[in-house]
């Protein structure tokens, strides 16, 4: 449950992105990630993809010290 909210009123053509940038910079990383992922899921649904197949891409690398 959100306890605070921020709003800005004005004409759309008079607004710049400063409000958006400040808002998202104040959010914790998890909130930013969740909002980004929500946009990805929404985009994929609109394009007709199966969103159950979505996942983060992972790269796995194995590091091993040379044998002496």
PDB file of N, CA and C in Angstrom:
ATOM      1  N   UNK A   1       0.832  -1.179   0.000  1.00  0.00           N
ATOM      2  CA  UNK A   1       0.000   0.000   0.000  1.00  0.00           C
ATOM      3  C   UNK A   1       0.882   1.249   0.000  1.00  0.00           C
ATOM      4  N   UNK A   2       0.652   2.111  -0.937  1.00  0.00           N
ATOM      5  CA  UNK A   2       1.436   3.334  -1.020  1.00  0.00           C
ATOM      6  C   UNK A   2       0.932   4.346   0.002  1.00  0.00           C
ATOM      7  N   UNK A   3       1.842   4.955   0.690  1.00  0.00           N
ATOM      8  CA  UNK A   3       1.471   5.957   1.675  1.00  0.00           C
ATOM      9  C   UNK A   3       1.677   7.359   1.132  1.00  0.00           C
ATOM     10  N   UNK A   4       2.513   7.478   0.122  1.00  0.00           N
ATOM     11  CA  UNK A   4       2.791   8.779  -0.451  1.00  0.00           C
ATOM     12  C   UNK A   4       2.566   8.712  -1.946  1.00  0.00           C
ATOM     13  N   UNK A   5       2.218   9.817  -2.509  1.00  0.00           N
ATOM     14  CA  UNK A   5       2.206   9.908  -3.950  1.00  0.00           C
ATOM     15  C   UNK A   5       2.600  11.328  -4.324  1.00  0.00           C
ATOM     16  N   UNK A   6       3.072  11.452  -5.527  1.00  0.00           N
ATOM     17  CA  UNK A   6       3.559  12.731  -6.018  1.00  0.00           C
ATOM     18  C   UNK A   6       2.803  13.038  -7.299  1.00  0.00           C
ATOM     19  N   UNK A   7       2.416  14.274  -7.443  1.00  0.00           N
ATOM     20  CA  UNK A   7       1.731  14.645  -8.673  1.00  0.00           C
ATOM     21  C   UNK A   7       2.230  15.999  -9.141  1.00  0.00           C
ATOM     22  N   UNK A   8       2.001  16.246 -10.392  1.00  0.00           N
ATOM     23  CA  UNK A   8       2.374  17.510 -11.009  1.00  0.00           C
ATOM     24  C   UNK A   8       1.248  17.901 -11.947  1.00  0.00           C
ATOM     25  N   UNK A   9       0.826  19.123 -11.839  1.00  0.00           N
ATOM     26  CA  UNK A   9      -0.262  19.595 -12.682  1.00  0.00           C
ATOM     27  C   UNK A   9       0.267  20.633 -13.657  1.00  0.00           C
ATOM     28  N   UNK A  10      -0.312  20.654 -14.827  1.00  0.00           N
ATOM     29  CA  UNK A  10       0.073  21.628 -15.832  1.00  0.00           C
ATOM     30  C   UNK A  10      -0.323  21.155 -17.212  1.00  0.00           C
ATOM     31  N   UNK A  11      -0.053  21.978 -18.188  1.00  0.00           N
ATOM     32  CA  UNK A  11      -0.329  21.601 -19.572  1.00  0.00           C
ATOM     33  C   UNK A  11       0.752  20.658 -20.061  1.00  0.00           C
ATOM     34  N   UNK A  12       0.328  19.643 -20.766  1.00  0.00           N
ATOM     35  CA  UNK A  12       1.250  18.625 -21.247  1.00  0.00           C
ATOM     36  C   UNK A  12       2.361  19.223 -22.104  1.00  0.00           C
ATOM     37  N   UNK A  13       2.016  20.155 -22.967  1.00  0.00           N
ATOM     38  CA  UNK A  13       3.023  20.735 -23.861  1.00  0.00           C
ATOM     39  C   UNK A  13       4.038  21.607 -23.106  1.00  0.00           C
ATOM     40  N   UNK A  14       3.723  22.024 -21.868  1.00  0.00           N
ATOM     41  CA  UNK A  14       4.639  22.858 -21.089  1.00  0.00           C
ATOM     42  C   UNK A  14       5.552  22.055 -20.176  1.00  0.00           C
ATOM     43  N   UNK A  15       5.333  20.750 -20.085  1.00  0.00           N
ATOM     44  CA  UNK A  15       6.120  19.928 -19.151  1.00  0.00           C
ATOM     45  C   UNK A  15       7.335  19.328 -19.832  1.00  0.00           C
ATOM     46  N   UNK A  16       8.397  19.232 -19.049  1.00  0.00           N
ATOM     47  CA  UNK A  16       9.588  18.535 -19.526  1.00  0.00           C
ATOM     48  C   UNK A  16       9.715  17.232 -18.727  1.00  0.00           C
ATOM     49  N   UNK A  17      10.810  16.538 -18.878  1.00  0.00           N
ATOM     50  CA  UNK A  17      10.961  15.230 -18.227  1.00  0.00           C
ATOM     51  C   UNK A  17      11.569  15.324 -16.837  1.00  0.00           C
ATOM     52  N   UNK A  18      11.847  16.522 -16.342  1.00  0.00           N
ATOM     53  CA  UNK A  18      12.523  16.668 -15.051  1.00  0.00           C
ATOM     54  C   UNK A  18      11.731  16.014 -13.912  1.00  0.00           C
ATOM     55  N   UNK A  19      10.408  16.144 -13.949  1.00  0.00           N
ATOM     56  CA  UNK A  19       9.580  15.527 -12.911  1.00  0.00           C
ATOM     57  C   UNK A  19       9.726  14.009 -12.937  1.00  0.00           C
ATOM     58  N   UNK A  20       9.657  13.416 -14.126  1.00  0.00           N
ATOM     59  CA  UNK A  20       9.794  11.959 -14.253  1.00  0.00           C
ATOM     60  C   UNK A  20      11.156  11.484 -13.779  1.00  0.00           C
ATOM     61  N   UNK A  21      12.188  12.180 -14.190  1.00  0.00           N
ATOM     62  CA  UNK A  21      13.542  11.786 -13.790  1.00  0.00           C
ATOM     63  C   UNK A  21      13.709  11.853 -12.276  1.00  0.00           C
ATOM     64  N   UNK A  22      13.252  12.924 -11.685  1.00  0.00           N
ATOM     65  CA  UNK A  22      13.366  13.064 -10.229  1.00  0.00           C
ATOM     66  C   UNK A  22      12.572  11.968  -9.527  1.00  0.00           C
ATOM     67  N   UNK A  23      11.356  11.695  -9.995  1.00  0.00           N
ATOM     68  CA  UNK A  23      10.525  10.659  -9.387  1.00  0.00           C
ATOM     69  C   UNK A  23      11.233   9.305  -9.406  1.00  0.00           C
ATOM     70  N   UNK A  24      11.721   8.885 -10.579  1.00  0.00           N
ATOM     71  CA  UNK A  24      12.326   7.558 -10.680  1.00  0.00           C
ATOM     72  C   UNK A  24      13.657   7.475  -9.956  1.00  0.00           C
ATOM     73  N   UNK A  25      14.380   8.577  -9.847  1.00  0.00           N
ATOM     74  CA  UNK A  25      15.634   8.555  -9.099  1.00  0.00           C
ATOM     75  C   UNK A  25      15.383   8.398  -7.604  1.00  0.00           C
ATOM     76  N   UNK A  26      14.222   8.811  -7.130  1.00  0.00           N
ATOM     77  CA  UNK A  26      13.883   8.653  -5.722  1.00  0.00           C
ATOM     78  C   UNK A  26      13.391   7.245  -5.391  1.00  0.00           C
ATOM     79  N   UNK A  27      13.069   6.454  -6.395  1.00  0.00           N
ATOM     80  CA  UNK A  27      12.546   5.103  -6.176  1.00  0.00           C
ATOM     81  C   UNK A  27      13.693   4.133  -5.910  1.00  0.00           C
ATOM     82  N   UNK A  28      13.455   3.139  -5.066  1.00  0.00           N
ATOM     83  CA  UNK A  28      14.492   2.111  -4.843  1.00  0.00           C
ATOM     84  C   UNK A  28      14.651   1.252  -6.099  1.00  0.00           C
ATOM     85  N   UNK A  29      15.808   0.604  -6.222  1.00  0.00           N
ATOM     86  CA  UNK A  29      16.057  -0.224  -7.414  1.00  0.00           C
ATOM     87  C   UNK A  29      14.969  -1.262  -7.687  1.00  0.00           C
ATOM     88  N   UNK A  30      14.423  -1.894  -6.660  1.00  0.00           N
ATOM     89  CA  UNK A  30      13.395  -2.907  -6.883  1.00  0.00           C
ATOM     90  C   UNK A  30      12.156  -2.292  -7.542  1.00  0.00           C
ATOM     91  N   UNK A  31      11.762  -1.110  -7.128  1.00  0.00           N
ATOM     92  CA  UNK A  31      10.597  -0.456  -7.727  1.00  0.00           C
ATOM     93  C   UNK A  31      10.856  -0.136  -9.192  1.00  0.00           C
ATOM     94  N   UNK A  32      12.064   0.292  -9.512  1.00  0.00           N
ATOM     95  CA  UNK A  32      12.412   0.591 -10.905  1.00  0.00           C
ATOM     96  C   UNK A  32      12.400  -0.678 -11.743  1.00  0.00           C
ATOM     97  N   UNK A  33      12.986  -1.743 -11.193  1.00  0.00           N
ATOM     98  CA  UNK A  33      13.010  -3.011 -11.923  1.00  0.00           C
ATOM     99  C   UNK A  33      11.597  -3.527 -12.153  1.00  0.00           C
ATOM    100  N   UNK A  34      10.771  -3.493 -11.107  1.00  0.00           N
ATOM    101  CA  UNK A  34       9.392  -3.987 -11.231  1.00  0.00           C
ATOM    102  C   UNK A  34       8.617  -3.201 -12.290  1.00  0.00           C
ATOM    103  N   UNK A  35       8.791  -1.887 -12.315  1.00  0.00           N
ATOM    104  CA  UNK A  35       8.094  -1.063 -13.305  1.00  0.00           C
ATOM    105  C   UNK A  35       8.588  -1.381 -14.714  1.00  0.00           C
ATOM    106  N   UNK A  36       9.891  -1.577 -14.852  1.00  0.00           N
ATOM    107  CA  UNK A  36      10.454  -1.918 -16.168  1.00  0.00           C
ATOM    108  C   UNK A  36       9.934  -3.267 -16.649  1.00  0.00           C
ATOM    109  N   UNK A  37       9.920  -4.250 -15.747  1.00  0.00           N
ATOM    110  CA  UNK A  37       9.447  -5.587 -16.113  1.00  0.00           C
ATOM    111  C   UNK A  37       7.969  -5.552 -16.486  1.00  0.00           C
ATOM    112  N   UNK A  38       7.195  -4.741 -15.778  1.00  0.00           N
ATOM    113  CA  UNK A  38       5.776  -4.604 -16.094  1.00  0.00           C
ATOM    114  C   UNK A  38       5.591  -4.066 -17.518  1.00  0.00           C
ATOM    115  N   UNK A  39       6.431  -3.133 -17.920  1.00  0.00           N
ATOM    116  CA  UNK A  39       6.356  -2.611 -19.288  1.00  0.00           C
ATOM    117  C   UNK A  39       6.712  -3.677 -20.321  1.00  0.00           C
ATOM    118  N   UNK A  40       7.715  -4.493 -20.008  1.00  0.00           N
ATOM    119  CA  UNK A  40       8.106  -5.570 -20.925  1.00  0.00           C
ATOM    120  C   UNK A  40       6.954  -6.553 -21.098  1.00  0.00           C
ATOM    121  N   UNK A  41       6.342  -6.953 -19.983  1.00  0.00           N
ATOM    122  CA  UNK A  41       5.228  -7.902 -20.037  1.00  0.00           C
ATOM    123  C   UNK A  41       4.063  -7.304 -20.832  1.00  0.00           C
ATOM    124  N   UNK A  42       3.746  -6.047 -20.576  1.00  0.00           N
ATOM    125  CA  UNK A  42       2.657  -5.394 -21.305  1.00  0.00           C
ATOM    126  C   UNK A  42       2.942  -5.355 -22.807  1.00  0.00           C
ATOM    127  N   UNK A  43       4.157  -4.989 -23.177  1.00  0.00           N
ATOM    128  CA  UNK A  43       4.541  -4.935 -24.594  1.00  0.00           C
ATOM    129  C   UNK A  43       4.382  -6.304 -25.253  1.00  0.00           C
ATOM    130  N   UNK A  44       4.863  -7.346 -24.573  1.00  0.00           N
ATOM    131  CA  UNK A  44       4.798  -8.682 -25.153  1.00  0.00           C
ATOM    132  C   UNK A  44       3.348  -9.151 -25.294  1.00  0.00           C
ATOM    133  N   UNK A  45       2.496  -8.804 -24.331  1.00  0.00           N
ATOM    134  CA  UNK A  45       1.076  -9.159 -24.440  1.00  0.00           C
ATOM    135  C   UNK A  45       0.443  -8.461 -25.637  1.00  0.00           C
ATOM    136  N   UNK A  46       0.743  -7.186 -25.814  1.00  0.00           N
ATOM    137  CA  UNK A  46       0.182  -6.426 -26.930  1.00  0.00           C
ATOM    138  C   UNK A  46       0.624  -7.020 -28.260  1.00  0.00           C
ATOM    139  N   UNK A  47       1.865  -7.490 -28.319  1.00  0.00           N
ATOM    140  CA  UNK A  47       2.387  -8.076 -29.552  1.00  0.00           C
ATOM    141  C   UNK A  47       1.955  -9.526 -29.749  1.00  0.00           C
ATOM    142  N   UNK A  48       1.249 -10.086 -28.776  1.00  0.00           N
ATOM    143  CA  UNK A  48       0.705 -11.431 -28.929  1.00  0.00           C
ATOM    144  C   UNK A  48       1.641 -12.554 -28.530  1.00  0.00           C
ATOM    145  N   UNK A  49       2.670 -12.270 -27.778  1.00  0.00           N
ATOM    146  CA  UNK A  49       3.602 -13.305 -27.343  1.00  0.00           C
ATOM    147  C   UNK A  49       3.110 -13.959 -26.057  1.00  0.00           C
ATOM    148  N   UNK A  50       3.573 -15.167 -25.813  1.00  0.00           N
ATOM    149  CA  UNK A  50       3.246 -15.888 -24.588  1.00  0.00           C
ATOM    150  C   UNK A  50       4.153 -15.367 -23.476  1.00  0.00           C
ATOM    151  N   UNK A  51       3.594 -14.606 -22.550  1.00  0.00           N
ATOM    152  CA  UNK A  51       4.411 -13.982 -21.512  1.00  0.00           C
ATOM    153  C   UNK A  51       4.912 -14.986 -20.475  1.00  0.00           C
ATOM    154  N   UNK A  52       4.352 -16.201 -20.488  1.00  0.00           N
ATOM    155  CA  UNK A  52       4.852 -17.219 -19.555  1.00  0.00           C
ATOM    156  C   UNK A  52       6.263 -17.673 -19.921  1.00  0.00           C
ATOM    157  N   UNK A  53       6.693 -17.372 -21.137  1.00  0.00           N
ATOM    158  CA  UNK A  53       8.024 -17.770 -21.578  1.00  0.00           C
ATOM    159  C   UNK A  53       9.082 -16.710 -21.295  1.00  0.00           C
ATOM    160  N   UNK A  54       8.673 -15.568 -20.776  1.00  0.00           N
ATOM    161  CA  UNK A  54       9.621 -14.490 -20.501  1.00  0.00           C
ATOM    162  C   UNK A  54      10.519 -14.832 -19.327  1.00  0.00           C
ATOM    163  N   UNK A  55      11.764 -14.449 -19.435  1.00  0.00           N
ATOM    164  CA  UNK A  55      12.706 -14.579 -18.326  1.00  0.00           C
ATOM    165  C   UNK A  55      13.907 -13.697 -18.630  1.00  0.00           C
ATOM    166  N   UNK A  56      14.680 -13.422 -17.619  1.00  0.00           N
ATOM    167  CA  UNK A  56      15.891 -12.642 -17.823  1.00  0.00           C
ATOM    168  C   UNK A  56      16.937 -13.500 -18.511  1.00  0.00           C
ATOM    169  N   UNK A  57      17.682 -12.885 -19.386  1.00  0.00           N
ATOM    170  CA  UNK A  57      18.743 -13.611 -20.074  1.00  0.00           C
ATOM    171  C   UNK A  57      19.919 -13.760 -19.124  1.00  0.00           C
ATOM    172  N   UNK A  58      20.461 -14.939 -19.066  1.00  0.00           N
ATOM    173  CA  UNK A  58      21.578 -15.204 -18.149  1.00  0.00           C
ATOM    174  C   UNK A  58      22.783 -15.684 -18.937  1.00  0.00           C
ATOM    175  N   UNK A  59      23.927 -15.196 -18.531  1.00  0.00           N
ATOM    176  CA  UNK A  59      25.187 -15.670 -19.103  1.00  0.00           C
ATOM    177  C   UNK A  59      25.967 -16.336 -17.980  1.00  0.00           C
ATOM    178  N   UNK A  60      26.425 -17.536 -18.238  1.00  0.00           N
ATOM    179  CA  UNK A  60      27.180 -18.266 -17.225  1.00  0.00           C
ATOM    180  C   UNK A  60      28.592 -18.475 -17.743  1.00  0.00           C
ATOM    181  N   UNK A  61      29.526 -18.110 -16.911  1.00  0.00           N
ATOM    182  CA  UNK A  61      30.931 -18.258 -17.268  1.00  0.00           C
ATOM    183  C   UNK A  61      31.639 -18.969 -16.130  1.00  0.00           C
ATOM    184  N   UNK A  62      32.519 -19.846 -16.466  1.00  0.00           N
ATOM    185  CA  UNK A  62      33.269 -20.587 -15.461  1.00  0.00           C
ATOM    186  C   UNK A  62      34.707 -20.104 -15.484  1.00  0.00           C
ATOM    187  N   UNK A  63      35.181 -19.665 -14.340  1.00  0.00           N
ATOM    188  CA  UNK A  63      36.569 -19.236 -14.225  1.00  0.00           C
ATOM    189  C   UNK A  63      37.308 -20.278 -13.414  1.00  0.00           C
ATOM    190  N   UNK A  64      38.506 -20.629 -13.908  1.00  0.00           N
ATOM    191  CA  UNK A  64      39.309 -21.606 -13.183  1.00  0.00           C
ATOM    192  C   UNK A  64      40.759 -21.156 -13.264  1.00  0.00           C
ATOM    193  N   UNK A  65      41.428 -21.235 -12.129  1.00  0.00           N
ATOM    194  CA  UNK A  65      42.857 -20.876 -12.104  1.00  0.00           C
ATOM    195  C   UNK A  65      43.651 -21.951 -12.831  1.00  0.00           C
ATOM    196  N   UNK A  66      44.697 -21.516 -13.519  1.00  0.00           N
ATOM    197  CA  UNK A  66      45.530 -22.521 -14.209  1.00  0.00           C
ATOM    198  C   UNK A  66      46.212 -23.473 -13.208  1.00  0.00           C
ATOM    199  N   UNK A  67      46.348 -24.731 -13.612  1.00  0.00           N
ATOM    200  CA  UNK A  67      47.016 -25.727 -12.781  1.00  0.00           C
ATOM    201  C   UNK A  67      48.515 -25.399 -12.728  1.00  0.00           C
ATOM    202  N   UNK A  68      49.106 -25.543 -11.559  1.00  0.00           N
ATOM    203  CA  UNK A  68      50.553 -25.269 -11.418  1.00  0.00           C
ATOM    204  C   UNK A  68      51.336 -26.534 -11.412  1.00  0.00           C
TER     205      UNK A  68
END
